Amino acid sequence: MSTPKGEVGEPAGGVVPEPVELWSAFKRAHELVRTRVVADTAEAAGLSEPDLTILVNLDKAGGALRQSELAASLGWDRTRISHQLTRMGKRGLVARERGDGVTVALTDAGRRTVTAVHPGLEAAVRRHFTDRLSAEEAEMLSSVLRRL
């Protein structure tokens, strides 16, 4: 049984995009938004995109995470996260504590940095991404992305 036109599950206009076309559009949109947001925030604050990503994720988690959880949340392998955290540790943004596993925590400098960057990050995300979506589109996109 097919879905009647206009019901949930049917794309606007009733045309289902080809999978590779949809994937290509997703990749293009991701790269454009990512590049613009990073240019507006991370680079302006003297951070790399990985720096920004880690600082924001640690802040969102309350300031600390196990290194393995941080890597998993970012989709990064052990080597990549370890090298990035070493670079950030040398700059005083994060500290690693060994115990039952390795815990990564924001330092005072890391907290100040993420606090200072956050308003610009939020503005850039709004400008280049969420302000271009209706409330319904944002809700639907959020639902789809959580499912993936």
N, C-alpha and C. Protein backbone atom coordinates (compact mmCIF):
# COMPACT_ATOMS: atom_id res chain seq x y z
N MET A 1 0.85 -1.17 0.00
CA MET A 1 0.00 0.00 0.00
C MET A 1 0.89 1.23 0.00
N SER A 2 0.59 2.18 -0.83
CA SER A 2 1.41 3.39 -0.89
C SER A 2 0.86 4.44 0.06
N THR A 3 1.72 5.39 0.41
CA THR A 3 1.33 6.49 1.28
C THR A 3 0.58 7.52 0.46
N PRO A 4 -0.61 7.95 0.88
CA PRO A 4 -1.33 8.98 0.14
C PRO A 4 -0.50 10.25 0.05
N LYS A 5 -0.60 10.93 -1.09
CA LYS A 5 0.18 12.14 -1.34
C LYS A 5 -0.03 13.15 -0.21
N GLY A 6 1.12 13.71 0.26
CA GLY A 6 1.06 14.75 1.29
C GLY A 6 1.20 14.22 2.71
N GLU A 7 1.12 12.90 2.92
CA GLU A 7 1.26 12.36 4.28
C GLU A 7 2.74 12.23 4.62
N VAL A 8 3.01 12.09 5.92
CA VAL A 8 4.38 11.92 6.38
C VAL A 8 4.96 10.69 5.70
N GLY A 9 6.21 10.79 5.30
CA GLY A 9 6.86 9.68 4.63
C GLY A 9 7.02 9.94 3.15
N GLU A 10 6.24 10.83 2.61
CA GLU A 10 6.33 11.17 1.20
C GLU A 10 7.05 12.50 1.06
N PRO A 11 8.09 12.57 0.23
CA PRO A 11 8.80 13.83 0.06
C PRO A 11 7.93 14.88 -0.60
N ALA A 12 8.25 16.15 -0.34
CA ALA A 12 7.53 17.25 -0.98
C ALA A 12 7.57 17.08 -2.48
N GLY A 13 6.47 17.24 -3.12
CA GLY A 13 6.40 17.11 -4.57
C GLY A 13 6.26 15.68 -5.02
N GLY A 14 6.35 14.71 -4.09
CA GLY A 14 6.16 13.32 -4.44
C GLY A 14 7.32 12.69 -5.18
N VAL A 15 8.46 13.36 -5.30
CA VAL A 15 9.60 12.83 -6.03
C VAL A 15 10.66 12.35 -5.04
N VAL A 16 11.00 11.09 -5.11
CA VAL A 16 12.02 10.53 -4.23
C VAL A 16 13.37 10.69 -4.93
N PRO A 17 14.32 11.39 -4.28
CA PRO A 17 15.63 11.57 -4.92
C PRO A 17 16.39 10.25 -4.99
N GLU A 18 17.23 10.12 -5.98
CA GLU A 18 18.09 8.95 -6.10
C GLU A 18 19.03 8.93 -4.89
N PRO A 19 19.36 7.76 -4.37
CA PRO A 19 20.21 7.69 -3.18
C PRO A 19 21.55 8.41 -3.32
N VAL A 20 22.23 8.25 -4.45
CA VAL A 20 23.53 8.89 -4.62
C VAL A 20 23.38 10.40 -4.73
N GLU A 21 22.31 10.86 -5.35
CA GLU A 21 22.06 12.30 -5.44
C GLU A 21 21.80 12.88 -4.04
N LEU A 22 21.02 12.17 -3.24
CA LEU A 22 20.73 12.62 -1.88
C LEU A 22 22.00 12.66 -1.05
N TRP A 23 22.81 11.62 -1.14
CA TRP A 23 24.07 11.56 -0.42
C TRP A 23 24.99 12.70 -0.85
N SER A 24 25.06 12.95 -2.15
CA SER A 24 25.90 14.05 -2.65
C SER A 24 25.42 15.40 -2.15
N ALA A 25 24.12 15.61 -2.13
CA ALA A 25 23.56 16.87 -1.62
C ALA A 25 23.86 17.02 -0.13
N PHE A 26 23.74 15.94 0.62
CA PHE A 26 24.06 15.95 2.05
C PHE A 26 25.52 16.32 2.27
N LYS A 27 26.42 15.67 1.53
CA LYS A 27 27.86 15.94 1.66
C LYS A 27 28.17 17.39 1.32
N ARG A 28 27.59 17.91 0.25
CA ARG A 28 27.84 19.29 -0.17
C ARG A 28 27.35 20.27 0.90
N ALA A 29 26.15 20.06 1.39
CA ALA A 29 25.59 20.94 2.41
C ALA A 29 26.45 20.88 3.68
N HIS A 30 26.85 19.70 4.08
CA HIS A 30 27.69 19.54 5.27
C HIS A 30 29.00 20.32 5.11
N GLU A 31 29.66 20.15 3.98
CA GLU A 31 30.94 20.83 3.76
C GLU A 31 30.79 22.35 3.74
N LEU A 32 29.75 22.83 3.07
CA LEU A 32 29.53 24.28 3.01
C LEU A 32 29.26 24.87 4.40
N VAL A 33 28.36 24.25 5.13
CA VAL A 33 28.02 24.76 6.46
C VAL A 33 29.22 24.64 7.39
N ARG A 34 29.88 23.48 7.39
CA ARG A 34 31.05 23.26 8.24
C ARG A 34 32.13 24.29 7.97
N THR A 35 32.45 24.49 6.72
CA THR A 35 33.50 25.44 6.34
C THR A 35 33.16 26.85 6.79
N ARG A 36 31.92 27.26 6.60
CA ARG A 36 31.51 28.61 6.98
C ARG A 36 31.50 28.81 8.49
N VAL A 37 30.99 27.83 9.21
CA VAL A 37 30.93 27.93 10.67
C VAL A 37 32.35 27.95 11.26
N VAL A 38 33.21 27.08 10.76
CA VAL A 38 34.59 27.04 11.24
C VAL A 38 35.30 28.35 10.93
N ALA A 39 35.10 28.88 9.74
CA ALA A 39 35.74 30.14 9.37
C ALA A 39 35.28 31.28 10.29
N ASP A 40 34.02 31.27 10.63
CA ASP A 40 33.47 32.33 11.48
C ASP A 40 33.87 32.20 12.95
N THR A 41 34.14 30.99 13.41
CA THR A 41 34.36 30.82 14.85
C THR A 41 35.74 30.31 15.20
N ALA A 42 36.06 29.11 14.80
CA ALA A 42 37.31 28.49 15.23
C ALA A 42 38.52 29.30 14.78
N GLU A 43 38.58 29.61 13.51
CA GLU A 43 39.73 30.33 12.99
C GLU A 43 39.84 31.71 13.64
N ALA A 44 38.72 32.36 13.86
CA ALA A 44 38.73 33.70 14.48
C ALA A 44 39.25 33.63 15.91
N ALA A 45 39.09 32.48 16.58
CA ALA A 45 39.54 32.32 17.96
C ALA A 45 40.92 31.67 18.05
N GLY A 46 41.52 31.39 16.89
CA GLY A 46 42.83 30.75 16.89
C GLY A 46 42.77 29.26 17.21
N LEU A 47 41.63 28.65 16.92
CA LEU A 47 41.46 27.23 17.16
C LEU A 47 41.36 26.49 15.84
N SER A 48 41.74 25.23 15.86
CA SER A 48 41.48 24.37 14.70
C SER A 48 40.07 23.81 14.84
N GLU A 49 39.56 23.25 13.76
CA GLU A 49 38.24 22.63 13.85
C GLU A 49 38.23 21.48 14.88
N PRO A 50 39.25 20.62 14.90
CA PRO A 50 39.26 19.58 15.94
C PRO A 50 39.31 20.15 17.36
N ASP A 51 40.06 21.24 17.57
CA ASP A 51 40.08 21.89 18.88
C ASP A 51 38.66 22.27 19.29
N LEU A 52 37.99 22.97 18.39
CA LEU A 52 36.63 23.45 18.66
C LEU A 52 35.70 22.29 18.95
N THR A 53 35.78 21.25 18.15
CA THR A 53 34.91 20.08 18.32
C THR A 53 35.10 19.44 19.69
N ILE A 54 36.34 19.27 20.10
CA ILE A 54 36.61 18.65 21.39
C ILE A 54 36.18 19.55 22.53
N LEU A 55 36.51 20.83 22.46
CA LEU A 55 36.12 21.75 23.53
C LEU A 55 34.60 21.77 23.70
N VAL A 56 33.87 21.86 22.60
CA VAL A 56 32.41 21.91 22.67
C VAL A 56 31.85 20.61 23.24
N ASN A 57 32.39 19.47 22.81
CA ASN A 57 31.89 18.19 23.32
C ASN A 57 32.19 18.00 24.80
N LEU A 58 33.37 18.40 25.24
CA LEU A 58 33.68 18.31 26.68
C LEU A 58 32.78 19.25 27.48
N ASP A 59 32.58 20.45 26.98
CA ASP A 59 31.72 21.41 27.67
C ASP A 59 30.30 20.86 27.78
N LYS A 60 29.80 20.29 26.69
CA LYS A 60 28.44 19.74 26.66
C LYS A 60 28.30 18.58 27.66
N ALA A 61 29.40 17.87 27.90
CA ALA A 61 29.39 16.73 28.83
C ALA A 61 29.66 17.15 30.27
N GLY A 62 29.73 18.45 30.53
CA GLY A 62 29.97 18.91 31.89
C GLY A 62 31.43 19.17 32.20
N GLY A 63 32.30 19.06 31.20
CA GLY A 63 33.70 19.40 31.40
C GLY A 63 34.67 18.24 31.32
N ALA A 64 34.17 17.01 31.37
CA ALA A 64 35.08 15.85 31.33
C ALA A 64 34.39 14.64 30.73
N LEU A 65 35.19 13.81 30.07
CA LEU A 65 34.72 12.54 29.51
C LEU A 65 35.88 11.55 29.52
N ARG A 66 35.54 10.29 29.53
CA ARG A 66 36.57 9.28 29.30
C ARG A 66 37.06 9.47 27.86
N GLN A 67 38.35 9.27 27.65
CA GLN A 67 38.91 9.48 26.32
C GLN A 67 38.24 8.57 25.29
N SER A 68 37.95 7.35 25.66
CA SER A 68 37.30 6.41 24.73
C SER A 68 35.89 6.88 24.37
N GLU A 69 35.17 7.46 25.33
CA GLU A 69 33.82 7.99 25.06
C GLU A 69 33.89 9.20 24.15
N LEU A 70 34.86 10.06 24.39
CA LEU A 70 35.04 11.24 23.54
C LEU A 70 35.34 10.81 22.11
N ALA A 71 36.26 9.87 21.95
CA ALA A 71 36.61 9.38 20.61
C ALA A 71 35.39 8.77 19.92
N ALA A 72 34.63 7.96 20.64
CA ALA A 72 33.45 7.33 20.06
C ALA A 72 32.41 8.35 19.65
N SER A 73 32.22 9.38 20.47
CA SER A 73 31.21 10.40 20.16
C SER A 73 31.58 11.20 18.92
N LEU A 74 32.88 11.28 18.62
CA LEU A 74 33.34 12.03 17.46
C LEU A 74 33.56 11.13 16.24
N GLY A 75 33.54 9.81 16.45
CA GLY A 75 33.80 8.88 15.36
C GLY A 75 35.28 8.84 15.00
N TRP A 76 36.15 9.13 15.98
CA TRP A 76 37.59 9.17 15.76
C TRP A 76 38.24 7.90 16.30
N ASP A 77 39.37 7.52 15.70
CA ASP A 77 40.10 6.37 16.21
C ASP A 77 41.02 6.80 17.36
N ARG A 78 41.58 5.82 18.07
CA ARG A 78 42.42 6.08 19.25
C ARG A 78 43.62 6.96 18.94
N THR A 79 44.26 6.71 17.81
CA THR A 79 45.46 7.48 17.46
C THR A 79 45.12 8.94 17.21
N ARG A 80 44.07 9.18 16.45
CA ARG A 80 43.70 10.57 16.14
C ARG A 80 43.37 11.35 17.41
N ILE A 81 42.53 10.77 18.27
CA ILE A 81 42.13 11.50 19.49
C ILE A 81 43.34 11.72 20.39
N SER A 82 44.23 10.74 20.48
CA SER A 82 45.40 10.86 21.33
C SER A 82 46.32 11.98 20.86
N HIS A 83 46.60 12.03 19.58
CA HIS A 83 47.46 13.09 19.03
C HIS A 83 46.83 14.47 19.21
N GLN A 84 45.53 14.57 18.95
CA GLN A 84 44.87 15.87 19.09
C GLN A 84 44.87 16.33 20.54
N LEU A 85 44.61 15.42 21.47
CA LEU A 85 44.61 15.78 22.89
C LEU A 85 46.01 16.16 23.37
N THR A 86 47.03 15.53 22.83
CA THR A 86 48.41 15.90 23.18
C THR A 86 48.67 17.34 22.75
N ARG A 87 48.28 17.69 21.53
CA ARG A 87 48.48 19.07 21.05
C ARG A 87 47.71 20.06 21.91
N MET A 88 46.47 19.73 22.25
CA MET A 88 45.65 20.62 23.06
C MET A 88 46.18 20.72 24.49
N GLY A 89 46.71 19.61 25.01
CA GLY A 89 47.29 19.61 26.34
C GLY A 89 48.51 20.52 26.42
N LYS A 90 49.31 20.51 25.38
CA LYS A 90 50.50 21.38 25.35
C LYS A 90 50.11 22.86 25.35
N ARG A 91 48.92 23.16 24.86
CA ARG A 91 48.44 24.55 24.84
C ARG A 91 47.61 24.87 26.08
N GLY A 92 47.46 23.90 26.97
CA GLY A 92 46.78 24.14 28.23
C GLY A 92 45.26 24.15 28.15
N LEU A 93 44.68 23.57 27.08
CA LEU A 93 43.22 23.58 26.92
C LEU A 93 42.55 22.39 27.60
N VAL A 94 43.24 21.25 27.65
CA VAL A 94 42.70 20.05 28.27
C VAL A 94 43.78 19.37 29.10
N ALA A 95 43.34 18.52 30.01
CA ALA A 95 44.27 17.71 30.81
C ALA A 95 43.74 16.28 30.80
N ARG A 96 44.67 15.34 30.79
CA ARG A 96 44.30 13.92 30.84
C ARG A 96 44.74 13.35 32.18
N GLU A 97 43.83 12.59 32.78
CA GLU A 97 44.13 11.94 34.05
C GLU A 97 43.98 10.44 33.86
N ARG A 98 45.00 9.72 34.27
CA ARG A 98 44.96 8.26 34.15
C ARG A 98 44.45 7.69 35.47
N GLY A 99 43.61 6.72 35.34
CA GLY A 99 43.05 6.04 36.50
C GLY A 99 42.38 4.80 35.95
N ASP A 100 41.11 4.69 36.16
CA ASP A 100 40.33 3.62 35.56
C ASP A 100 40.02 4.07 34.14
N GLY A 101 40.98 3.95 33.25
CA GLY A 101 40.88 4.52 31.91
C GLY A 101 41.45 5.92 31.94
N VAL A 102 41.35 6.62 30.85
CA VAL A 102 41.87 7.98 30.76
C VAL A 102 40.69 8.94 30.69
N THR A 103 40.69 9.93 31.57
CA THR A 103 39.64 10.95 31.58
C THR A 103 40.24 12.24 31.02
N VAL A 104 39.51 12.87 30.11
CA VAL A 104 39.92 14.13 29.52
C VAL A 104 39.04 15.22 30.13
N ALA A 105 39.69 16.27 30.63
CA ALA A 105 38.94 17.36 31.27
C ALA A 105 39.37 18.70 30.71
N LEU A 106 38.42 19.60 30.65
CA LEU A 106 38.74 20.98 30.31
C LEU A 106 39.56 21.58 31.44
N THR A 107 40.58 22.32 31.10
CA THR A 107 41.32 23.10 32.10
C THR A 107 40.58 24.43 32.25
N ASP A 108 41.04 25.26 33.18
CA ASP A 108 40.44 26.59 33.32
C ASP A 108 40.56 27.36 32.00
N ALA A 109 41.72 27.23 31.35
CA ALA A 109 41.92 27.92 30.06
C ALA A 109 40.98 27.35 29.00
N GLY A 110 40.78 26.05 29.02
CA GLY A 110 39.85 25.42 28.07
C GLY A 110 38.42 25.89 28.29
N ARG A 111 38.02 26.01 29.56
CA ARG A 111 36.67 26.51 29.88
C ARG A 111 36.50 27.95 29.44
N ARG A 112 37.52 28.77 29.70
CA ARG A 112 37.45 30.18 29.27
C ARG A 112 37.35 30.27 27.75
N THR A 113 38.11 29.43 27.06
CA THR A 113 38.11 29.45 25.59
C THR A 113 36.75 29.05 25.04
N VAL A 114 36.19 27.96 25.52
CA VAL A 114 34.90 27.50 24.99
C VAL A 114 33.79 28.49 25.36
N THR A 115 33.89 29.10 26.54
CA THR A 115 32.90 30.11 26.94
C THR A 115 32.98 31.33 26.03
N ALA A 116 34.20 31.73 25.69
CA ALA A 116 34.37 32.89 24.82
C ALA A 116 33.93 32.61 23.39
N VAL A 117 34.12 31.40 22.92
CA VAL A 117 33.80 31.03 21.54
C VAL A 117 32.30 30.76 21.35
N HIS A 118 31.63 30.31 22.40
CA HIS A 118 30.25 29.83 22.28
C HIS A 118 29.28 30.83 21.64
N PRO A 119 29.26 32.10 22.04
CA PRO A 119 28.30 33.02 21.39
C PRO A 119 28.53 33.15 19.88
N GLY A 120 29.78 33.21 19.47
CA GLY A 120 30.09 33.30 18.04
C GLY A 120 29.74 32.03 17.30
N LEU A 121 29.96 30.89 17.96
CA LEU A 121 29.62 29.60 17.37
C LEU A 121 28.11 29.50 17.17
N GLU A 122 27.37 29.85 18.20
CA GLU A 122 25.91 29.78 18.09
C GLU A 122 25.40 30.71 16.99
N ALA A 123 25.96 31.92 16.91
CA ALA A 123 25.55 32.86 15.87
C ALA A 123 25.89 32.33 14.48
N ALA A 124 27.06 31.73 14.34
CA ALA A 124 27.47 31.18 13.03
C ALA A 124 26.59 30.01 12.63
N VAL A 125 26.27 29.14 13.58
CA VAL A 125 25.39 28.00 13.28
C VAL A 125 24.01 28.50 12.86
N ARG A 126 23.51 29.50 13.56
CA ARG A 126 22.21 30.06 13.17
C ARG A 126 22.30 30.67 11.77
N ARG A 127 23.30 31.50 11.54
CA ARG A 127 23.44 32.22 10.27
C ARG A 127 23.58 31.27 9.08
N HIS A 128 24.41 30.25 9.23
CA HIS A 128 24.73 29.38 8.10
C HIS A 128 23.90 28.11 8.03
N PHE A 129 23.08 27.85 9.08
CA PHE A 129 22.36 26.58 9.10
C PHE A 129 20.91 26.71 9.57
N THR A 130 20.70 26.88 10.86
CA THR A 130 19.34 26.74 11.38
C THR A 130 18.39 27.86 10.95
N ASP A 131 18.90 29.07 10.74
CA ASP A 131 18.01 30.14 10.29
C ASP A 131 17.52 29.91 8.86
N ARG A 132 18.12 28.98 8.16
CA ARG A 132 17.71 28.67 6.78
C ARG A 132 16.65 27.57 6.74
N LEU A 133 16.27 27.08 7.92
CA LEU A 133 15.27 26.01 8.03
C LEU A 133 14.04 26.54 8.75
N SER A 134 12.89 26.03 8.35
CA SER A 134 11.68 26.32 9.12
C SER A 134 11.74 25.48 10.39
N ALA A 135 10.90 25.78 11.35
CA ALA A 135 10.86 25.00 12.59
C ALA A 135 10.54 23.53 12.28
N GLU A 136 9.63 23.32 11.35
CA GLU A 136 9.25 21.95 10.97
C GLU A 136 10.43 21.22 10.32
N GLU A 137 11.17 21.91 9.45
CA GLU A 137 12.33 21.29 8.80
C GLU A 137 13.41 20.97 9.82
N ALA A 138 13.66 21.88 10.75
CA ALA A 138 14.68 21.64 11.78
C ALA A 138 14.30 20.44 12.64
N GLU A 139 13.04 20.34 13.01
CA GLU A 139 12.57 19.21 13.81
C GLU A 139 12.72 17.90 13.04
N MET A 140 12.35 17.91 11.77
CA MET A 140 12.45 16.70 10.95
C MET A 140 13.92 16.31 10.76
N LEU A 141 14.77 17.28 10.47
CA LEU A 141 16.18 16.99 10.28
C LEU A 141 16.80 16.43 11.56
N SER A 142 16.46 17.01 12.69
CA SER A 142 16.95 16.52 13.96
C SER A 142 16.54 15.05 14.17
N SER A 143 15.32 14.74 13.86
CA SER A 143 14.81 13.38 14.00
C SER A 143 15.58 12.41 13.09
N VAL A 144 15.78 12.81 11.86
CA VAL A 144 16.50 11.96 10.90
C VAL A 144 17.94 11.75 11.36
N LEU A 145 18.62 12.81 11.77
CA LEU A 145 20.02 12.70 12.17
C LEU A 145 20.19 11.84 13.42
N ARG A 146 19.26 11.92 14.36
CA ARG A 146 19.34 11.06 15.55
C ARG A 146 19.17 9.59 15.18
N ARG A 147 18.36 9.34 14.17
CA ARG A 147 18.13 7.97 13.72
C ARG A 147 19.36 7.37 13.05
N LEU A 148 20.15 8.21 12.41
CA LEU A 148 21.34 7.71 11.73
C LEU A 148 22.42 7.42 12.74
